[in-house]
C-alpha atoms as a PDB file:
ATOM      1  CA  MET A   1     188.145 192.133 173.069  1.00  0.00           C
ATOM      2  CA  ALA A   2     188.158 189.900 170.002  1.00  0.00           C
ATOM      3  CA  THR A   3     185.693 188.633 167.509  1.00  0.00           C
ATOM      4  CA  ALA A   4     185.588 185.132 165.837  1.00  0.00           C
ATOM      5  CA  VAL A   5     183.817 184.841 162.623  1.00  0.00           C
ATOM      6  CA  VAL A   6     182.288 181.559 161.261  1.00  0.00           C
ATOM      7  CA  ILE A   7     181.403 181.489 157.610  1.00  0.00           C
ATOM      8  CA  LEU A   8     179.201 178.612 156.640  1.00  0.00           C
ATOM      9  CA  ALA A   9     180.037 177.277 153.204  1.00  0.00           C
ATOM     10  CA  ALA A  10     178.806 173.816 153.184  1.00  0.00           C
ATOM     11  CA  GLY A  11     175.841 173.895 151.233  1.00  0.00           C
ATOM     12  CA  SER A  12     175.315 173.001 147.462  1.00  0.00           C
ATOM     13  CA  GLY A  13     174.431 174.550 144.394  1.00  0.00           C
ATOM     14  CA  SER A  14     171.231 172.551 143.724  1.00  0.00           C
ATOM     15  CA  ARG A  15     168.732 175.125 143.802  1.00  0.00           C
ATOM     16  CA  VAL A  16     170.887 177.693 142.100  1.00  0.00           C
ATOM     17  CA  GLY A  17     171.243 175.190 139.173  1.00  0.00           C
ATOM     18  CA  ALA A  18     174.952 175.189 139.388  1.00  0.00           C
ATOM     19  CA  GLU A  19     177.370 172.174 139.005  1.00  0.00           C
ATOM     20  CA  VAL A  20     179.490 173.427 142.063  1.00  0.00           C
ATOM     21  CA  ASN A  21     178.823 174.885 145.385  1.00  0.00           C
ATOM     22  CA  LYS A  22     176.977 178.081 145.074  1.00  0.00           C
ATOM     23  CA  VAL A  23     179.522 179.953 147.213  1.00  0.00           C
ATOM     24  CA  LEU A  24     182.295 179.105 144.627  1.00  0.00           C
ATOM     25  CA  LEU A  25     180.262 180.815 141.733  1.00  0.00           C
ATOM     26  CA  PRO A  26     182.076 183.883 140.116  1.00  0.00           C
ATOM     27  CA  LEU A  27     180.742 187.398 141.385  1.00  0.00           C
ATOM     28  CA  ARG A  28     182.804 190.202 139.789  1.00  0.00           C
ATOM     29  CA  GLY A  29     186.107 188.455 139.678  1.00  0.00           C
ATOM     30  CA  ALA A  30     185.952 186.690 143.012  1.00  0.00           C
ATOM     31  CA  ALA A  31     183.989 183.573 144.404  1.00  0.00           C
ATOM     32  CA  VAL A  32     180.789 184.504 146.128  1.00  0.00           C
ATOM     33  CA  LEU A  33     182.427 183.085 149.359  1.00  0.00           C
ATOM     34  CA  ALA A  34     185.550 185.413 148.939  1.00  0.00           C
ATOM     35  CA  TRP A  35     183.390 188.535 149.243  1.00  0.00           C
ATOM     36  CA  SER A  36     182.405 187.474 152.919  1.00  0.00           C
ATOM     37  CA  VAL A  37     186.033 186.393 153.649  1.00  0.00           C
ATOM     38  CA  ARG A  38     187.167 189.986 152.544  1.00  0.00           C
ATOM     39  CA  THR A  39     184.672 191.770 154.550  1.00  0.00           C
ATOM     40  CA  ALA A  40     185.279 189.745 157.595  1.00  0.00           C
ATOM     41  CA  LEU A  41     188.958 190.227 157.582  1.00  0.00           C
ATOM     42  CA  ALA A  42     188.622 193.893 157.046  1.00  0.00           C
ATOM     43  CA  LEU A  43     186.973 194.090 160.653  1.00  0.00           C
ATOM     44  CA  HIS A  44     189.359 195.518 163.033  1.00  0.00           C
ATOM     45  CA  ASP A  45     188.896 193.047 165.858  1.00  0.00           C
ATOM     46  CA  VAL A  46     188.549 189.690 164.179  1.00  0.00           C
ATOM     47  CA  ARG A  47     191.077 187.241 165.802  1.00  0.00           C
ATOM     48  CA  ARG A  48     189.884 183.929 164.108  1.00  0.00           C
ATOM     49  CA  LEU A  49     188.016 183.206 160.919  1.00  0.00           C
ATOM     50  CA  VAL A  50     186.529 179.613 160.499  1.00  0.00           C
ATOM     51  CA  LEU A  51     185.307 178.538 157.034  1.00  0.00           C
ATOM     52  CA  VAL A  52     182.895 175.447 157.266  1.00  0.00           C
ATOM     53  CA  VAL A  53     183.019 173.632 153.949  1.00  0.00           C
ATOM     54  CA  ARG A  54     182.106 170.264 152.445  1.00  0.00           C
ATOM     55  CA  PRO A  55     184.968 167.890 152.483  1.00  0.00           C
ATOM     56  CA  GLU A  56     185.027 167.633 148.638  1.00  0.00           C
ATOM     57  CA  ASP A  57     185.220 171.355 148.307  1.00  0.00           C
ATOM     58  CA  ARG A  58     188.292 171.872 150.587  1.00  0.00           C
ATOM     59  CA  ALA A  59     190.677 172.466 147.549  1.00  0.00           C
ATOM     60  CA  ALA A  60     188.326 174.627 145.694  1.00  0.00           C
ATOM     61  CA  VAL A  61     187.469 176.718 148.475  1.00  0.00           C
ATOM     62  CA  ALA A  62     191.274 177.095 149.340  1.00  0.00           C
ATOM     63  CA  ASP A  63     191.955 178.168 145.689  1.00  0.00           C
ATOM     64  CA  ALA A  64     189.035 180.578 145.853  1.00  0.00           C
ATOM     65  CA  VAL A  65     190.002 182.401 149.075  1.00  0.00           C
ATOM     66  CA  ALA A  66     193.748 182.181 149.025  1.00  0.00           C
ATOM     67  CA  PRO A  67     194.054 185.364 146.977  1.00  0.00           C
ATOM     68  CA  HIS A  68     192.274 187.438 149.223  1.00  0.00           C
ATOM     69  CA  LEU A  69     193.988 186.449 152.674  1.00  0.00           C
ATOM     70  CA  GLY A  70     197.218 188.557 152.424  1.00  0.00           C
ATOM     71  CA  GLU A  71     199.157 187.707 155.614  1.00  0.00           C
ATOM     72  CA  ARG A  72     195.926 186.352 157.388  1.00  0.00           C
ATOM     73  CA  GLU A  73     195.128 182.759 158.131  1.00  0.00           C
ATOM     74  CA  VAL A  74     191.825 180.905 158.277  1.00  0.00           C
ATOM     75  CA  LEU A  75     190.718 177.648 159.749  1.00  0.00           C
ATOM     76  CA  VAL A  76     188.839 175.257 157.619  1.00  0.00           C
ATOM     77  CA  VAL A  77     186.677 172.614 159.034  1.00  0.00           C
ATOM     78  CA  ASP A  78     184.253 170.033 157.506  1.00  0.00           C
ATOM     79  CA  GLY A  79     180.743 170.880 157.849  1.00  0.00           C
ATOM     80  CA  GLY A  80     177.900 168.480 158.963  1.00  0.00           C
ATOM     81  CA  ALA A  81     174.802 167.163 157.549  1.00  0.00           C
ATOM     82  CA  THR A  82     172.723 170.195 158.818  1.00  0.00           C
ATOM     83  CA  ARG A  83     173.432 173.800 159.490  1.00  0.00           C
ATOM     84  CA  HIS A  84     173.335 173.398 163.257  1.00  0.00           C
ATOM     85  CA  ALA A  85     175.956 170.551 162.840  1.00  0.00           C
ATOM     86  CA  SER A  86     178.266 172.802 160.803  1.00  0.00           C
ATOM     87  CA  GLU A  87     177.931 175.525 163.362  1.00  0.00           C
ATOM     88  CA  TRP A  88     178.736 172.988 166.082  1.00  0.00           C
ATOM     89  CA  ALA A  89     181.799 171.809 164.294  1.00  0.00           C
ATOM     90  CA  ALA A  90     183.073 175.411 164.115  1.00  0.00           C
ATOM     91  CA  LEU A  91     182.339 176.214 167.678  1.00  0.00           C
ATOM     92  CA  GLN A  92     184.239 172.917 168.808  1.00  0.00           C
ATOM     93  CA  VAL A  93     187.259 174.292 167.000  1.00  0.00           C
ATOM     94  CA  LEU A  94     186.771 177.846 168.706  1.00  0.00           C
ATOM     95  CA  ALA A  95     186.080 176.408 172.213  1.00  0.00           C
ATOM     96  CA  ASP A  96     189.631 176.992 173.645  1.00  0.00           C
ATOM     97  CA  ASP A  97     189.617 180.417 172.558  1.00  0.00           C
ATOM     98  CA  VAL A  98     186.238 181.205 173.867  1.00  0.00           C
ATOM     99  CA  VAL A  99     187.036 179.333 177.243  1.00  0.00           C
ATOM    100  CA  SER A 100     190.374 181.243 177.704  1.00  0.00           C
ATOM    101  CA  GLY A 101     188.636 184.602 177.029  1.00  0.00           C
ATOM    102  CA  ASP A 102     190.641 185.361 173.833  1.00  0.00           C
ATOM    103  CA  VAL A 103     187.500 185.655 171.948  1.00  0.00           C
ATOM    104  CA  ASP A 104     184.275 187.345 173.435  1.00  0.00           C
ATOM    105  CA  VAL A 105     181.898 187.363 170.450  1.00  0.00           C
ATOM    106  CA  VAL A 106     181.267 184.968 167.693  1.00  0.00           C
ATOM    107  CA  ALA A 107     179.647 186.053 164.663  1.00  0.00           C
ATOM    108  CA  VAL A 108     178.163 183.316 162.171  1.00  0.00           C
ATOM    109  CA  HIS A 109     177.463 184.325 158.497  1.00  0.00           C
ATOM    110  CA  ASP A 110     176.071 182.419 155.712  1.00  0.00           C
ATOM    111  CA  GLY A 111     178.685 182.396 152.756  1.00  0.00           C
ATOM    112  CA  ALA A 112     175.839 182.709 150.385  1.00  0.00           C
ATOM    113  CA  ARG A 113     175.133 186.285 151.419  1.00  0.00           C
ATOM    114  CA  PRO A 114     178.274 187.930 149.758  1.00  0.00           C
ATOM    115  CA  LEU A 115     176.970 191.580 150.097  1.00  0.00           C
ATOM    116  CA  ALA A 116     176.682 192.027 153.859  1.00  0.00           C
ATOM    117  CA  GLY A 117     178.879 195.305 154.201  1.00  0.00           C
ATOM    118  CA  THR A 118     181.409 196.248 156.676  1.00  0.00           C
ATOM    119  CA  ALA A 119     178.852 198.609 158.510  1.00  0.00           C
ATOM    120  CA  LEU A 120     176.364 195.827 158.913  1.00  0.00           C
ATOM    121  CA  TRP A 121     178.917 193.415 160.349  1.00  0.00           C
ATOM    122  CA  GLU A 122     180.277 196.119 162.715  1.00  0.00           C
ATOM    123  CA  ALA A 123     176.806 196.878 163.981  1.00  0.00           C
ATOM    124  CA  VAL A 124     175.784 193.414 164.690  1.00  0.00           C
ATOM    125  CA  ILE A 125     178.951 192.596 166.486  1.00  0.00           C
ATOM    126  CA  ASP A 126     178.816 195.728 168.604  1.00  0.00           C
ATOM    127  CA  ALA A 127     175.374 195.164 169.576  1.00  0.00           C
ATOM    128  CA  ALA A 128     176.170 191.566 170.571  1.00  0.00           C
ATOM    129  CA  ARG A 129     178.963 192.846 172.758  1.00  0.00           C
ATOM    130  CA  THR A 130     176.565 195.265 174.308  1.00  0.00           C
ATOM    131  CA  VAL A 131     173.314 193.359 174.989  1.00  0.00           C
ATOM    132  CA  GLY A 132     174.323 189.704 174.562  1.00  0.00           C
ATOM    133  CA  GLY A 133     173.260 188.875 170.928  1.00  0.00           C
ATOM    134  CA  ALA A 134     172.162 190.563 167.526  1.00  0.00           C
ATOM    135  CA  ILE A 135     170.657 189.523 164.252  1.00  0.00           C
ATOM    136  CA  PRO A 136     170.209 191.661 161.064  1.00  0.00           C
ATOM    137  CA  VAL A 137     166.415 192.080 160.370  1.00  0.00           C
ATOM    138  CA  VAL A 138     164.860 193.384 157.240  1.00  0.00           C
ATOM    139  CA  PRO A 139     161.061 194.505 156.958  1.00  0.00           C
ATOM    140  CA  VAL A 140     158.763 192.042 155.072  1.00  0.00           C
ATOM    141  CA  THR A 141     155.766 193.310 153.263  1.00  0.00           C
ATOM    142  CA  GLN A 142     152.961 192.048 150.900  1.00  0.00           C
ATOM    143  CA  LEU A 143     152.485 188.886 153.111  1.00  0.00           C
ATOM    144  CA  LEU A 144     149.129 186.800 153.204  1.00  0.00           C
ATOM    145  CA  HIS A 145     147.470 184.839 156.039  1.00  0.00           C
ATOM    146  CA  ALA A 146     146.254 181.361 155.202  1.00  0.00           C
ATOM    147  CA  ASP A 147     142.756 182.738 154.398  1.00  0.00           C
ATOM    148  CA  LEU A 148     144.627 185.229 151.943  1.00  0.00           C
ATOM    149  CA  THR A 149     143.962 188.418 153.798  1.00  0.00           C
ATOM    150  CA  PRO A 150     146.920 190.838 154.102  1.00  0.00           C
ATOM    151  CA  VAL A 151     149.200 190.547 157.110  1.00  0.00           C
ATOM    152  CA  THR A 152     149.114 194.093 158.627  1.00  0.00           C
ATOM    153  CA  ASP A 153     151.415 193.499 161.599  1.00  0.00           C
ATOM    154  CA  GLU A 154     155.027 194.654 161.105  1.00  0.00           C
ATOM    155  CA  VAL A 155     157.169 191.512 160.093  1.00  0.00           C
ATOM    156  CA  GLY A 156     160.819 191.092 159.802  1.00  0.00           C
ATOM    157  CA  ALA A 157     162.834 188.535 158.100  1.00  0.00           C
ATOM    158  CA  VAL A 158     165.973 187.450 159.747  1.00  0.00           C
ATOM    159  CA  GLN A 159     169.481 187.399 157.931  1.00  0.00           C
ATOM    160  CA  THR A 160     173.220 186.886 158.882  1.00  0.00           C
ATOM    161  CA  PRO A 161     175.628 187.686 160.249  1.00  0.00           C
ATOM    162  CA  GLN A 162     174.339 186.820 163.545  1.00  0.00           C
ATOM    163  CA  ALA A 163     176.531 187.443 166.648  1.00  0.00           C
ATOM    164  CA  PHE A 164     176.591 186.488 170.247  1.00  0.00           C
ATOM    165  CA  ARG A 165     178.549 186.497 173.307  1.00  0.00           C
ATOM    166  CA  ALA A 166     180.988 183.622 172.904  1.00  0.00           C
ATOM    167  CA  PRO A 167     180.576 181.956 176.369  1.00  0.00           C
ATOM    168  CA  GLU A 168     176.892 181.759 176.245  1.00  0.00           C
ATOM    169  CA  LEU A 169     176.852 180.608 172.605  1.00  0.00           C
ATOM    170  CA  LEU A 170     179.347 177.873 173.356  1.00  0.00           C
ATOM    171  CA  ALA A 171     177.310 176.648 176.300  1.00  0.00           C
ATOM    172  CA  ALA A 172     174.147 176.678 174.457  1.00  0.00           C
ATOM    173  CA  TYR A 173     175.592 174.423 171.765  1.00  0.00           C
ATOM    174  CA  ARG A 174     176.953 172.179 174.255  1.00  0.00           C
ATOM    175  CA  SER A 175     173.534 171.852 175.785  1.00  0.00           C
ATOM    176  CA  ALA A 176     171.980 171.188 172.349  1.00  0.00           C
ATOM    177  CA  ALA A 177     174.531 168.559 171.579  1.00  0.00           C
ATOM    178  CA  ARG A 178     173.764 166.836 174.833  1.00  0.00           C
ATOM    179  CA  ASP A 179     170.141 167.020 174.103  1.00  0.00           C
ATOM    180  CA  GLY A 180     170.189 166.089 170.583  1.00  0.00           C
ATOM    181  CA  PHE A 181     168.482 169.264 169.666  1.00  0.00           C
ATOM    182  CA  GLU A 182     169.080 171.247 166.459  1.00  0.00           C
ATOM    183  CA  ALA A 183     167.818 174.723 165.445  1.00  0.00           C
ATOM    184  CA  THR A 184     167.430 176.229 161.921  1.00  0.00           C
ATOM    185  CA  ASP A 185     169.922 178.953 162.640  1.00  0.00           C
ATOM    186  CA  THR A 186     172.015 180.340 165.422  1.00  0.00           C
ATOM    187  CA  ALA A 187     169.609 182.404 167.117  1.00  0.00           C
ATOM    188  CA  GLY A 188     167.332 179.567 167.375  1.00  0.00           C
ATOM    189  CA  CYS A 189     169.615 177.501 169.426  1.00  0.00           C
ATOM    190  CA  VAL A 190     170.460 180.685 171.700  1.00  0.00           C
ATOM    191  CA  ALA A 191     166.771 181.139 172.179  1.00  0.00           C
ATOM    192  CA  ALA A 192     166.228 177.606 173.467  1.00  0.00           C
ATOM    193  CA  TYR A 193     169.365 177.493 175.682  1.00  0.00           C
ATOM    194  CA  ALA A 194     170.687 180.735 176.708  1.00  0.00           C
ATOM    195  CA  GLU A 195     169.201 183.657 178.507  1.00  0.00           C
ATOM    196  CA  LEU A 196     170.385 186.396 176.334  1.00  0.00           C
ATOM    197  CA  ALA A 197     169.000 189.636 174.983  1.00  0.00           C
ATOM    198  CA  VAL A 198     169.035 189.822 171.216  1.00  0.00           C
ATOM    199  CA  ALA A 199     168.885 193.217 169.487  1.00  0.00           C
ATOM    200  CA  ALA A 200     167.481 193.369 165.942  1.00  0.00           C
ATOM    201  CA  VAL A 201     169.852 195.328 163.805  1.00  0.00           C
ATOM    202  CA  PRO A 202     168.121 197.115 160.817  1.00  0.00           C
ATOM    203  CA  SER A 203     169.271 195.618 157.488  1.00  0.00           C
ATOM    204  CA  ASN A 204     168.036 195.622 153.844  1.00  0.00           C
ATOM    205  CA  ALA A 205     167.245 193.586 150.760  1.00  0.00           C
ATOM    206  CA  LEU A 206     170.897 194.327 149.506  1.00  0.00           C
ATOM    207  CA  ASN A 207     172.107 191.544 151.946  1.00  0.00           C
ATOM    208  CA  LEU A 208     170.645 188.949 149.572  1.00  0.00           C
ATOM    209  CA  LYS A 209     171.190 185.197 149.667  1.00  0.00           C
ATOM    210  CA  VAL A 210     172.311 183.549 146.490  1.00  0.00           C
ATOM    211  CA  THR A 211     169.622 180.643 146.246  1.00  0.00           C
ATOM    212  CA  PHE A 212     168.315 180.632 142.712  1.00  0.00           C
ATOM    213  CA  PRO A 213     169.813 181.345 139.279  1.00  0.00           C
ATOM    214  CA  GLU A 214     168.388 184.986 139.135  1.00  0.00           C
ATOM    215  CA  ASP A 215     170.073 185.752 142.487  1.00  0.00           C
ATOM    216  CA  VAL A 216     173.443 185.456 141.103  1.00  0.00           C
ATOM    217  CA  ALA A 217     172.758 188.044 138.098  1.00  0.00           C
ATOM    218  CA  LEU A 218     171.179 190.175 140.789  1.00  0.00           C
ATOM    219  CA  ALA A 219     174.152 190.070 143.034  1.00  0.00           C
ATOM    220  CA  VAL A 220     176.251 191.093 140.227  1.00  0.00           C
ATOM    221  CA  GLU A 221     174.346 194.189 139.413  1.00  0.00           C
ATOM    222  CA  LEU A 222     174.130 195.178 143.163  1.00  0.00           C
ATOM    223  CA  SER A 223     177.674 194.476 144.115  1.00  0.00           C
ATOM    224  CA  PRO A 224     180.125 197.436 144.184  1.00  0.00           C
ATOM    225  CA  ARG A 225     181.937 197.752 140.999  1.00  0.00           C
ATOM    226  CA  GLY A 226     185.650 197.693 141.114  1.00  0.00           C
ATOM    227  CA  SER A 227     185.559 195.182 144.039  1.00  0.00           C
END
């Protein structure tokens, strides 16, 4: 069986205070995006890798990832105005492989999360192949209700990569396109249109998302030296 990986890189650097897309910022000698590309290509069963980018970033993304591809190839597609639209653009490119059975699982990852390690990727993909879907979840503490009382229930924050069985995922997005529905993440669309069990895979704060200026410095400190 084979996996297709979609890495979303069609955002911007507005909140991080950068003049370029935040996934193109340097992180220990490689662009933030390149870290996720390298990890995805290191997985043993990845058949397709799709990068979803802004049209104006195509050349810069190509320059950033080319040194890390070796003999492998990636598909680059233009993203949409929303995350959901970008995911749908990637799934349309993968549709033939899904329908033919060449790809049985699709994993979708945020290119601004450079430190998701191989172990997390493999755990999510394996769980999706077993039960139908999987999302990384990290415990959240120190939350308050609207009345400022502490939240005592166990609460988790959802991260990426998120992985799902490919036929059901494609069908869910086709239904969403028909209805004009958009979700905030992959799991949201699956929950709305597919009857899949979804496993919560334990993750941790190391899998941070580069959103604000301090996140770049933190990622540098947390990233493996020598990578």
